Amino acid sequence: MKWLLAILTVLLLMTQFRLWVGEGSFAEVTRLERQLNEQQQKNAALERENRLLLREVRSLKEGTDGVEAKARYDLGLIKEGETLFIFLDPKKQSSRGDKERQKE
């Protein structure tokens, strides 16, 4: 009878060990769920970015308006007859001057 009790105790301890520490344990399941949530958030962000890029590609393929807007924004395109005005921020200019004076 003592042997049977000892064997059952060892089996109980082995199952408890796997439940708390081993493969498939509560800690591992919690860690995997956290990783899954993080990956789902990354995937959602990438899907949003892909939709934006797809919209931009469609705009560039469909007509010249998208190409023109892209060129104006990225390359500073100016049409013939247009006048370019550049407005400088006085706050940024004064901070640049302060930095240059500090270097000297």
PDB file of N, CA and C in Angstrom:
ATOM      1  N   MET A   1       0.808  -1.191   0.000  1.00  0.00           N
ATOM      2  CA  MET A   1       0.000   0.000   0.000  1.00  0.00           C
ATOM      3  C   MET A   1       0.863   1.272   0.000  1.00  0.00           C
ATOM      4  N   LYS A   2       1.988   1.220   0.735  1.00  0.00           N
ATOM      5  CA  LYS A   2       2.879   2.364   0.776  1.00  0.00           C
ATOM      6  C   LYS A   2       3.478   2.635  -0.598  1.00  0.00           C
ATOM      7  N   TRP A   3       3.750   1.579  -1.354  1.00  0.00           N
ATOM      8  CA  TRP A   3       4.313   1.754  -2.710  1.00  0.00           C
ATOM      9  C   TRP A   3       3.315   2.447  -3.625  1.00  0.00           C
ATOM     10  N   LEU A   4       2.083   2.043  -3.519  1.00  0.00           N
ATOM     11  CA  LEU A   4       1.048   2.654  -4.339  1.00  0.00           C
ATOM     12  C   LEU A   4       0.897   4.136  -3.998  1.00  0.00           C
ATOM     13  N   LEU A   5       0.908   4.471  -2.736  1.00  0.00           N
ATOM     14  CA  LEU A   5       0.821   5.863  -2.308  1.00  0.00           C
ATOM     15  C   LEU A   5       2.037   6.659  -2.808  1.00  0.00           C
ATOM     16  N   ALA A   6       3.217   6.046  -2.733  1.00  0.00           N
ATOM     17  CA  ALA A   6       4.440   6.709  -3.199  1.00  0.00           C
ATOM     18  C   ALA A   6       4.384   6.937  -4.704  1.00  0.00           C
ATOM     19  N   ILE A   7       3.917   5.962  -5.465  1.00  0.00           N
ATOM     20  CA  ILE A   7       3.820   6.092  -6.926  1.00  0.00           C
ATOM     21  C   ILE A   7       2.807   7.172  -7.292  1.00  0.00           C
ATOM     22  N   LEU A   8       1.658   7.171  -6.624  1.00  0.00           N
ATOM     23  CA  LEU A   8       0.641   8.185  -6.887  1.00  0.00           C
ATOM     24  C   LEU A   8       1.140   9.581  -6.523  1.00  0.00           C
ATOM     25  N   THR A   9       1.894   9.694  -5.457  1.00  0.00           N
ATOM     26  CA  THR A   9       2.463  10.989  -5.057  1.00  0.00           C
ATOM     27  C   THR A   9       3.453  11.476  -6.097  1.00  0.00           C
ATOM     28  N   VAL A  10       4.303  10.597  -6.600  1.00  0.00           N
ATOM     29  CA  VAL A  10       5.277  10.959  -7.638  1.00  0.00           C
ATOM     30  C   VAL A  10       4.547  11.378  -8.909  1.00  0.00           C
ATOM     31  N   LEU A  11       3.512  10.662  -9.315  1.00  0.00           N
ATOM     32  CA  LEU A  11       2.742  11.021 -10.503  1.00  0.00           C
ATOM     33  C   LEU A  11       2.068  12.382 -10.325  1.00  0.00           C
ATOM     34  N   LEU A  12       1.534  12.623  -9.139  1.00  0.00           N
ATOM     35  CA  LEU A  12       0.905  13.913  -8.868  1.00  0.00           C
ATOM     36  C   LEU A  12       1.933  15.044  -8.953  1.00  0.00           C
ATOM     37  N   LEU A  13       3.093  14.841  -8.386  1.00  0.00           N
ATOM     38  CA  LEU A  13       4.143  15.856  -8.442  1.00  0.00           C
ATOM     39  C   LEU A  13       4.609  16.099  -9.876  1.00  0.00           C
ATOM     40  N   MET A  14       4.696  15.040 -10.675  1.00  0.00           N
ATOM     41  CA  MET A  14       5.116  15.193 -12.079  1.00  0.00           C
ATOM     42  C   MET A  14       4.091  16.003 -12.870  1.00  0.00           C
ATOM     43  N   THR A  15       2.811  15.730 -12.648  1.00  0.00           N
ATOM     44  CA  THR A  15       1.794  16.495 -13.378  1.00  0.00           C
ATOM     45  C   THR A  15       1.772  17.942 -12.914  1.00  0.00           C
ATOM     46  N   GLN A  16       1.946  18.166 -11.624  1.00  0.00           N
ATOM     47  CA  GLN A  16       1.984  19.529 -11.109  1.00  0.00           C
ATOM     48  C   GLN A  16       3.202  20.280 -11.643  1.00  0.00           C
ATOM     49  N   PHE A  17       4.335  19.598 -11.757  1.00  0.00           N
ATOM     50  CA  PHE A  17       5.543  20.233 -12.292  1.00  0.00           C
ATOM     51  C   PHE A  17       5.290  20.724 -13.710  1.00  0.00           C
ATOM     52  N   ARG A  18       4.696  19.869 -14.546  1.00  0.00           N
ATOM     53  CA  ARG A  18       4.406  20.270 -15.930  1.00  0.00           C
ATOM     54  C   ARG A  18       3.400  21.409 -15.977  1.00  0.00           C
ATOM     55  N   LEU A  19       2.456  21.391 -15.052  1.00  0.00           N
ATOM     56  CA  LEU A  19       1.429  22.427 -15.034  1.00  0.00           C
ATOM     57  C   LEU A  19       2.024  23.790 -14.692  1.00  0.00           C
ATOM     58  N   TRP A  20       2.961  23.854 -13.791  1.00  0.00           N
ATOM     59  CA  TRP A  20       3.487  25.129 -13.320  1.00  0.00           C
ATOM     60  C   TRP A  20       4.806  25.530 -13.971  1.00  0.00           C
ATOM     61  N   VAL A  21       5.637  24.563 -14.376  1.00  0.00           N
ATOM     62  CA  VAL A  21       6.977  24.898 -14.842  1.00  0.00           C
ATOM     63  C   VAL A  21       7.258  24.385 -16.249  1.00  0.00           C
ATOM     64  N   GLY A  22       6.815  23.224 -16.603  1.00  0.00           N
ATOM     65  CA  GLY A  22       7.207  22.577 -17.846  1.00  0.00           C
ATOM     66  C   GLY A  22       6.560  23.169 -19.090  1.00  0.00           C
ATOM     67  N   GLU A  23       6.689  22.426 -20.161  1.00  0.00           N
ATOM     68  CA  GLU A  23       6.136  22.851 -21.451  1.00  0.00           C
ATOM     69  C   GLU A  23       4.610  22.884 -21.358  1.00  0.00           C
ATOM     70  N   GLY A  24       4.017  23.971 -21.830  1.00  0.00           N
ATOM     71  CA  GLY A  24       2.569  24.129 -21.754  1.00  0.00           C
ATOM     72  C   GLY A  24       2.097  24.626 -20.402  1.00  0.00           C
ATOM     73  N   SER A  25       3.000  25.132 -19.584  1.00  0.00           N
ATOM     74  CA  SER A  25       2.637  25.601 -18.251  1.00  0.00           C
ATOM     75  C   SER A  25       1.878  26.916 -18.324  1.00  0.00           C
ATOM     76  N   PHE A  26       1.326  27.309 -17.201  1.00  0.00           N
ATOM     77  CA  PHE A  26       0.590  28.577 -17.139  1.00  0.00           C
ATOM     78  C   PHE A  26       1.487  29.752 -17.517  1.00  0.00           C
ATOM     79  N   ALA A  27       2.712  29.734 -17.028  1.00  0.00           N
ATOM     80  CA  ALA A  27       3.641  30.832 -17.313  1.00  0.00           C
ATOM     81  C   ALA A  27       3.935  30.911 -18.810  1.00  0.00           C
ATOM     82  N   GLU A  28       4.140  29.772 -19.431  1.00  0.00           N
ATOM     83  CA  GLU A  28       4.429  29.763 -20.869  1.00  0.00           C
ATOM     84  C   GLU A  28       3.219  30.216 -21.678  1.00  0.00           C
ATOM     85  N   VAL A  29       2.044  29.783 -21.291  1.00  0.00           N
ATOM     86  CA  VAL A  29       0.820  30.185 -21.989  1.00  0.00           C
ATOM     87  C   VAL A  29       0.628  31.692 -21.882  1.00  0.00           C
ATOM     88  N   THR A  30       0.875  32.255 -20.709  1.00  0.00           N
ATOM     89  CA  THR A  30       0.752  33.702 -20.510  1.00  0.00           C
ATOM     90  C   THR A  30       1.762  34.447 -21.379  1.00  0.00           C
ATOM     91  N   ARG A  31       2.992  33.961 -21.414  1.00  0.00           N
ATOM     92  CA  ARG A  31       4.037  34.588 -22.234  1.00  0.00           C
ATOM     93  C   ARG A  31       3.663  34.538 -23.712  1.00  0.00           C
ATOM     94  N   LEU A  32       3.165  33.395 -24.159  1.00  0.00           N
ATOM     95  CA  LEU A  32       2.778  33.244 -25.564  1.00  0.00           C
ATOM     96  C   LEU A  32       1.583  34.137 -25.913  1.00  0.00           C
ATOM     97  N   GLU A  33       0.641  34.287 -24.990  1.00  0.00           N
ATOM     98  CA  GLU A  33      -0.500  35.180 -25.239  1.00  0.00           C
ATOM     99  C   GLU A  33      -0.031  36.627 -25.361  1.00  0.00           C
ATOM    100  N   ARG A  34       0.922  37.028 -24.531  1.00  0.00           N
ATOM    101  CA  ARG A  34       1.468  38.374 -24.598  1.00  0.00           C
ATOM    102  C   ARG A  34       2.173  38.593 -25.940  1.00  0.00           C
ATOM    103  N   GLN A  35       2.958  37.610 -26.357  1.00  0.00           N
ATOM    104  CA  GLN A  35       3.633  37.707 -27.657  1.00  0.00           C
ATOM    105  C   GLN A  35       2.619  37.779 -28.795  1.00  0.00           C
ATOM    106  N   LEU A  36       1.558  37.001 -28.689  1.00  0.00           N
ATOM    107  CA  LEU A  36       0.520  37.007 -29.710  1.00  0.00           C
ATOM    108  C   LEU A  36      -0.136  38.380 -29.802  1.00  0.00           C
ATOM    109  N   ASN A  37      -0.455  38.985 -28.669  1.00  0.00           N
ATOM    110  CA  ASN A  37      -1.055  40.319 -28.669  1.00  0.00           C
ATOM    111  C   ASN A  37      -0.124  41.353 -29.284  1.00  0.00           C
ATOM    112  N   GLU A  38       1.152  41.298 -28.936  1.00  0.00           N
ATOM    113  CA  GLU A  38       2.127  42.230 -29.507  1.00  0.00           C
ATOM    114  C   GLU A  38       2.212  42.057 -31.017  1.00  0.00           C
ATOM    115  N   GLN A  39       2.251  40.807 -31.472  1.00  0.00           N
ATOM    116  CA  GLN A  39       2.352  40.552 -32.911  1.00  0.00           C
ATOM    117  C   GLN A  39       1.093  41.004 -33.640  1.00  0.00           C
ATOM    118  N   GLN A  40      -0.073  40.832 -33.026  1.00  0.00           N
ATOM    119  CA  GLN A  40      -1.310  41.292 -33.641  1.00  0.00           C
ATOM    120  C   GLN A  40      -1.321  42.811 -33.772  1.00  0.00           C
ATOM    121  N   GLN A  41      -0.786  43.517 -32.777  1.00  0.00           N
ATOM    122  CA  GLN A  41      -0.707  44.972 -32.858  1.00  0.00           C
ATOM    123  C   GLN A  41       0.247  45.403 -33.971  1.00  0.00           C
ATOM    124  N   LYS A  42       1.379  44.714 -34.080  1.00  0.00           N
ATOM    125  CA  LYS A  42       2.327  45.022 -35.162  1.00  0.00           C
ATOM    126  C   LYS A  42       1.690  44.760 -36.520  1.00  0.00           C
ATOM    127  N   ASN A  43       0.980  43.647 -36.627  1.00  0.00           N
ATOM    128  CA  ASN A  43       0.319  43.309 -37.893  1.00  0.00           C
ATOM    129  C   ASN A  43      -0.722  44.352 -38.274  1.00  0.00           C
ATOM    130  N   ALA A  44      -1.489  44.820 -37.291  1.00  0.00           N
ATOM    131  CA  ALA A  44      -2.507  45.833 -37.568  1.00  0.00           C
ATOM    132  C   ALA A  44      -1.861  47.124 -38.063  1.00  0.00           C
ATOM    133  N   ALA A  45      -0.747  47.514 -37.444  1.00  0.00           N
ATOM    134  CA  ALA A  45      -0.045  48.728 -37.877  1.00  0.00           C
ATOM    135  C   ALA A  45       0.489  48.557 -39.296  1.00  0.00           C
ATOM    136  N   LEU A  46       1.027  47.392 -39.599  1.00  0.00           N
ATOM    137  CA  LEU A  46       1.544  47.137 -40.949  1.00  0.00           C
ATOM    138  C   LEU A  46       0.417  47.095 -41.980  1.00  0.00           C
ATOM    139  N   GLU A  47      -0.735  46.569 -41.597  1.00  0.00           N
ATOM    140  CA  GLU A  47      -1.875  46.554 -42.514  1.00  0.00           C
ATOM    141  C   GLU A  47      -2.340  47.975 -42.829  1.00  0.00           C
ATOM    142  N   ARG A  48      -2.375  48.845 -41.803  1.00  0.00           N
ATOM    143  CA  ARG A  48      -2.733  50.253 -42.045  1.00  0.00           C
ATOM    144  C   ARG A  48      -1.733  50.907 -42.995  1.00  0.00           C
ATOM    145  N   GLU A  49      -0.455  50.654 -42.744  1.00  0.00           N
ATOM    146  CA  GLU A  49       0.580  51.230 -43.619  1.00  0.00           C
ATOM    147  C   GLU A  49       0.445  50.705 -45.044  1.00  0.00           C
ATOM    148  N   ASN A  50       0.162  49.427 -45.186  1.00  0.00           N
ATOM    149  CA  ASN A  50      -0.016  48.842 -46.521  1.00  0.00           C
ATOM    150  C   ASN A  50      -1.207  49.454 -47.247  1.00  0.00           C
ATOM    151  N   ARG A  51      -2.313  49.695 -46.508  1.00  0.00           N
ATOM    152  CA  ARG A  51      -3.474  50.325 -47.137  1.00  0.00           C
ATOM    153  C   ARG A  51      -3.135  51.730 -47.628  1.00  0.00           C
ATOM    154  N   LEU A  52      -2.384  52.488 -46.813  1.00  0.00           N
ATOM    155  CA  LEU A  52      -1.980  53.836 -47.229  1.00  0.00           C
ATOM    156  C   LEU A  52      -1.084  53.791 -48.466  1.00  0.00           C
ATOM    157  N   LEU A  53      -0.152  52.861 -48.473  1.00  0.00           N
ATOM    158  CA  LEU A  53       0.740  52.741 -49.628  1.00  0.00           C
ATOM    159  C   LEU A  53      -0.028  52.304 -50.871  1.00  0.00           C
ATOM    160  N   LEU A  54      -0.980  51.385 -50.712  1.00  0.00           N
ATOM    161  CA  LEU A  54      -1.791  50.938 -51.842  1.00  0.00           C
ATOM    162  C   LEU A  54      -2.616  52.086 -52.392  1.00  0.00           C
ATOM    163  N   ARG A  55      -3.173  52.918 -51.500  1.00  0.00           N
ATOM    164  CA  ARG A  55      -3.931  54.084 -51.934  1.00  0.00           C
ATOM    165  C   ARG A  55      -3.032  55.045 -52.714  1.00  0.00           C
ATOM    166  N   GLU A  56      -1.799  55.229 -52.247  1.00  0.00           N
ATOM    167  CA  GLU A  56      -0.865  56.122 -52.933  1.00  0.00           C
ATOM    168  C   GLU A  56      -0.482  55.562 -54.302  1.00  0.00           C
ATOM    169  N   VAL A  57      -0.254  54.260 -54.387  1.00  0.00           N
ATOM    170  CA  VAL A  57       0.095  53.633 -55.665  1.00  0.00           C
ATOM    171  C   VAL A  57      -1.051  53.782 -56.654  1.00  0.00           C
ATOM    172  N   ARG A  58      -2.278  53.543 -56.189  1.00  0.00           N
ATOM    173  CA  ARG A  58      -3.440  53.700 -57.079  1.00  0.00           C
ATOM    174  C   ARG A  58      -3.563  55.136 -57.570  1.00  0.00           C
ATOM    175  N   SER A  59      -3.325  56.085 -56.672  1.00  0.00           N
ATOM    176  CA  SER A  59      -3.397  57.494 -57.043  1.00  0.00           C
ATOM    177  C   SER A  59      -2.346  57.830 -58.089  1.00  0.00           C
ATOM    178  N   LEU A  60      -1.152  57.296 -57.938  1.00  0.00           N
ATOM    179  CA  LEU A  60      -0.078  57.568 -58.896  1.00  0.00           C
ATOM    180  C   LEU A  60      -0.348  56.907 -60.244  1.00  0.00           C
ATOM    181  N   LYS A  61      -1.004  55.738 -60.228  1.00  0.00           N
ATOM    182  CA  LYS A  61      -1.285  55.028 -61.479  1.00  0.00           C
ATOM    183  C   LYS A  61      -2.449  55.642 -62.249  1.00  0.00           C
ATOM    184  N   GLU A  62      -3.436  56.192 -61.537  1.00  0.00           N
ATOM    185  CA  GLU A  62      -4.682  56.620 -62.176  1.00  0.00           C
ATOM    186  C   GLU A  62      -4.583  57.933 -62.925  1.00  0.00           C
ATOM    187  N   GLY A  63      -3.764  58.838 -62.492  1.00  0.00           N
ATOM    188  CA  GLY A  63      -3.738  60.115 -63.187  1.00  0.00           C
ATOM    189  C   GLY A  63      -2.537  60.949 -62.809  1.00  0.00           C
ATOM    190  N   THR A  64      -2.496  62.123 -63.398  1.00  0.00           N
ATOM    191  CA  THR A  64      -1.359  62.996 -63.167  1.00  0.00           C
ATOM    192  C   THR A  64      -1.483  63.783 -61.873  1.00  0.00           C
ATOM    193  N   ASP A  65      -2.679  63.864 -61.308  1.00  0.00           N
ATOM    194  CA  ASP A  65      -2.856  64.624 -60.070  1.00  0.00           C
ATOM    195  C   ASP A  65      -2.017  64.034 -58.931  1.00  0.00           C
ATOM    196  N   GLY A  66      -2.024  62.720 -58.819  1.00  0.00           N
ATOM    197  CA  GLY A  66      -1.246  62.065 -57.767  1.00  0.00           C
ATOM    198  C   GLY A  66       0.246  62.251 -57.976  1.00  0.00           C
ATOM    199  N   VAL A  67       0.678  62.141 -59.226  1.00  0.00           N
ATOM    200  CA  VAL A  67       2.096  62.315 -59.536  1.00  0.00           C
ATOM    201  C   VAL A  67       2.515  63.747 -59.255  1.00  0.00           C
ATOM    202  N   GLU A  68       1.670  64.689 -59.641  1.00  0.00           N
ATOM    203  CA  GLU A  68       1.973  66.105 -59.414  1.00  0.00           C
ATOM    204  C   GLU A  68       2.043  66.419 -57.921  1.00  0.00           C
ATOM    205  N   ALA A  69       1.097  65.912 -57.174  1.00  0.00           N
ATOM    206  CA  ALA A  69       1.093  66.157 -55.733  1.00  0.00           C
ATOM    207  C   ALA A  69       2.343  65.570 -55.083  1.00  0.00           C
ATOM    208  N   LYS A  70       2.706  64.363 -55.498  1.00  0.00           N
ATOM    209  CA  LYS A  70       3.904  63.718 -54.960  1.00  0.00           C
ATOM    210  C   LYS A  70       5.151  64.529 -55.310  1.00  0.00           C
ATOM    211  N   ALA A  71       5.239  65.003 -56.546  1.00  0.00           N
ATOM    212  CA  ALA A  71       6.395  65.795 -56.974  1.00  0.00           C
ATOM    213  C   ALA A  71       6.443  67.126 -56.227  1.00  0.00           C
ATOM    214  N   ARG A  72       5.308  67.743 -56.012  1.00  0.00           N
ATOM    215  CA  ARG A  72       5.274  69.016 -55.283  1.00  0.00           C
ATOM    216  C   ARG A  72       5.739  68.819 -53.844  1.00  0.00           C
ATOM    217  N   TYR A  73       5.262  67.761 -53.235  1.00  0.00           N
ATOM    218  CA  TYR A  73       5.581  67.530 -51.824  1.00  0.00           C
ATOM    219  C   TYR A  73       7.025  67.072 -51.643  1.00  0.00           C
ATOM    220  N   ASP A  74       7.449  66.069 -52.423  1.00  0.00           N
ATOM    221  CA  ASP A  74       8.767  65.468 -52.223  1.00  0.00           C
ATOM    222  C   ASP A  74       9.887  66.230 -52.922  1.00  0.00           C
ATOM    223  N   LEU A  75       9.607  66.767 -54.095  1.00  0.00           N
ATOM    224  CA  LEU A  75      10.670  67.367 -54.897  1.00  0.00           C
ATOM    225  C   LEU A  75      10.573  68.881 -55.013  1.00  0.00           C
ATOM    226  N   GLY A  76       9.510  69.472 -54.502  1.00  0.00           N
ATOM    227  CA  GLY A  76       9.369  70.925 -54.578  1.00  0.00           C
ATOM    228  C   GLY A  76       9.033  71.412 -55.979  1.00  0.00           C
ATOM    229  N   LEU A  77       8.213  70.673 -56.706  1.00  0.00           N
ATOM    230  CA  LEU A  77       7.828  71.037 -58.067  1.00  0.00           C
ATOM    231  C   LEU A  77       7.110  72.381 -58.088  1.00  0.00           C
ATOM    232  N   ILE A  78       7.501  73.219 -59.030  1.00  0.00           N
ATOM    233  CA  ILE A  78       6.841  74.500 -59.240  1.00  0.00           C
ATOM    234  C   ILE A  78       6.483  74.574 -60.715  1.00  0.00           C
ATOM    235  N   LYS A  79       5.206  74.828 -61.010  1.00  0.00           N
ATOM    236  CA  LYS A  79       4.771  74.939 -62.404  1.00  0.00           C
ATOM    237  C   LYS A  79       5.218  76.265 -62.992  1.00  0.00           C
ATOM    238  N   GLU A  80       5.243  76.301 -64.303  1.00  0.00           N
ATOM    239  CA  GLU A  80       5.591  77.534 -65.000  1.00  0.00           C
ATOM    240  C   GLU A  80       4.519  78.580 -64.707  1.00  0.00           C
ATOM    241  N   GLY A  81       4.949  79.775 -64.353  1.00  0.00           N
ATOM    242  CA  GLY A  81       4.019  80.846 -64.038  1.00  0.00           C
ATOM    243  C   GLY A  81       3.673  80.924 -62.556  1.00  0.00           C
ATOM    244  N   GLU A  82       4.075  79.941 -61.777  1.00  0.00           N
ATOM    245  CA  GLU A  82       3.825  79.981 -60.345  1.00  0.00           C
ATOM    246  C   GLU A  82       4.984  80.690 -59.643  1.00  0.00           C
ATOM    247  N   THR A  83       4.710  81.220 -58.480  1.00  0.00           N
ATOM    248  CA  THR A  83       5.736  81.869 -57.689  1.00  0.00           C
ATOM    249  C   THR A  83       5.881  81.109 -56.374  1.00  0.00           C
ATOM    250  N   LEU A  84       7.111  80.833 -56.005  1.00  0.00           N
ATOM    251  CA  LEU A  84       7.384  80.095 -54.782  1.00  0.00           C
ATOM    252  C   LEU A  84       7.652  81.080 -53.653  1.00  0.00           C
ATOM    253  N   PHE A  85       6.960  80.904 -52.563  1.00  0.00           N
ATOM    254  CA  PHE A  85       7.191  81.690 -51.359  1.00  0.00           C
ATOM    255  C   PHE A  85       7.657  80.747 -50.273  1.00  0.00           C
ATOM    256  N   ILE A  86       8.744  81.087 -49.601  1.00  0.00           N
ATOM    257  CA  ILE A  86       9.249  80.297 -48.481  1.00  0.00           C
ATOM    258  C   ILE A  86       9.175  81.170 -47.244  1.00  0.00           C
ATOM    259  N   PHE A  87       8.442  80.716 -46.253  1.00  0.00           N
ATOM    260  CA  PHE A  87       8.277  81.453 -45.016  1.00  0.00           C
ATOM    261  C   PHE A  87       9.164  80.819 -43.953  1.00  0.00           C
ATOM    262  N   LEU A  88      10.034  81.614 -43.374  1.00  0.00           N
ATOM    263  CA  LEU A  88      10.930  81.132 -42.336  1.00  0.00           C
ATOM    264  C   LEU A  88      10.331  81.411 -40.977  1.00  0.00           C
ATOM    265  N   ASP A  89      10.500  80.468 -40.084  1.00  0.00           N
ATOM    266  CA  ASP A  89      10.004  80.626 -38.722  1.00  0.00           C
ATOM    267  C   ASP A  89      11.042  81.416 -37.926  1.00  0.00           C
ATOM    268  N   PRO A  90      10.701  82.592 -37.420  1.00  0.00           N
ATOM    269  CA  PRO A  90      11.689  83.400 -36.696  1.00  0.00           C
ATOM    270  C   PRO A  90      12.227  82.699 -35.454  1.00  0.00           C
ATOM    271  N   LYS A  91      11.422  81.880 -34.823  1.00  0.00           N
ATOM    272  CA  LYS A  91      11.884  81.158 -33.632  1.00  0.00           C
ATOM    273  C   LYS A  91      12.994  80.182 -33.993  1.00  0.00           C
ATOM    274  N   LYS A  92      12.829  79.493 -35.107  1.00  0.00           N
ATOM    275  CA  LYS A  92      13.857  78.542 -35.532  1.00  0.00           C
ATOM    276  C   LYS A  92      15.113  79.273 -35.966  1.00  0.00           C
ATOM    277  N   GLN A  93      14.965  80.407 -36.595  1.00  0.00           N
ATOM    278  CA  GLN A  93      16.121  81.179 -37.039  1.00  0.00           C
ATOM    279  C   GLN A  93      16.920  81.677 -35.848  1.00  0.00           C
ATOM    280  N   SER A  94      16.259  82.156 -34.803  1.00  0.00           N
ATOM    281  CA  SER A  94      16.993  82.674 -33.649  1.00  0.00           C
ATOM    282  C   SER A  94      17.682  81.538 -32.904  1.00  0.00           C
ATOM    283  N   SER A  95      17.080  80.352 -32.861  1.00  0.00           N
ATOM    284  CA  SER A  95      17.728  79.235 -32.176  1.00  0.00           C
ATOM    285  C   SER A  95      18.934  78.758 -32.973  1.00  0.00           C
ATOM    286  N   ARG A  96      18.880  78.837 -34.294  1.00  0.00           N
ATOM    287  CA  ARG A  96      20.034  78.470 -35.112  1.00  0.00           C
ATOM    288  C   ARG A  96      21.184  79.441 -34.862  1.00  0.00           C
ATOM    289  N   GLY A  97      20.868  80.720 -34.808  1.00  0.00           N
ATOM    290  CA  GLY A  97      21.892  81.722 -34.557  1.00  0.00           C
ATOM    291  C   GLY A  97      22.529  81.528 -33.192  1.00  0.00           C
ATOM    292  N   ASP A  98      21.730  81.172 -32.190  1.00  0.00           N
ATOM    293  CA  ASP A  98      22.255  80.926 -30.852  1.00  0.00           C
ATOM    294  C   ASP A  98      23.204  79.725 -30.858  1.00  0.00           C
ATOM    295  N   LYS A  99      22.833  78.695 -31.588  1.00  0.00           N
ATOM    296  CA  LYS A  99      23.681  77.508 -31.653  1.00  0.00           C
ATOM    297  C   LYS A  99      24.999  77.828 -32.354  1.00  0.00           C
ATOM    298  N   GLU A 100      24.940  78.627 -33.415  1.00  0.00           N
ATOM    299  CA  GLU A 100      26.149  78.978 -34.137  1.00  0.00           C
ATOM    300  C   GLU A 100      27.058  79.819 -33.255  1.00  0.00           C
ATOM    301  N   ARG A 101      26.492  80.725 -32.462  1.00  0.00           N
ATOM    302  CA  ARG A 101      27.295  81.544 -31.569  1.00  0.00           C
ATOM    303  C   ARG A 101      27.930  80.705 -30.470  1.00  0.00           C
ATOM    304  N   GLN A 102      27.235  79.685 -30.027  1.00  0.00           N
ATOM    305  CA  GLN A 102      27.784  78.828 -28.984  1.00  0.00           C
ATOM    306  C   GLN A 102      28.962  78.019 -29.494  1.00  0.00           C
ATOM    307  N   LYS A 103      28.948  77.657 -30.773  1.00  0.00           N
ATOM    308  CA  LYS A 103      30.046  76.897 -31.358  1.00  0.00           C
ATOM    309  C   LYS A 103      31.323  77.718 -31.410  1.00  0.00           C
ATOM    310  N   GLU A 104      31.175  79.010 -31.604  1.00  0.00           N
ATOM    311  CA  GLU A 104      32.349  79.880 -31.738  1.00  0.00           C
ATOM    312  C   GLU A 104      32.947  80.121 -30.421  1.00  0.00           C
TER     313      GLU A 104
END
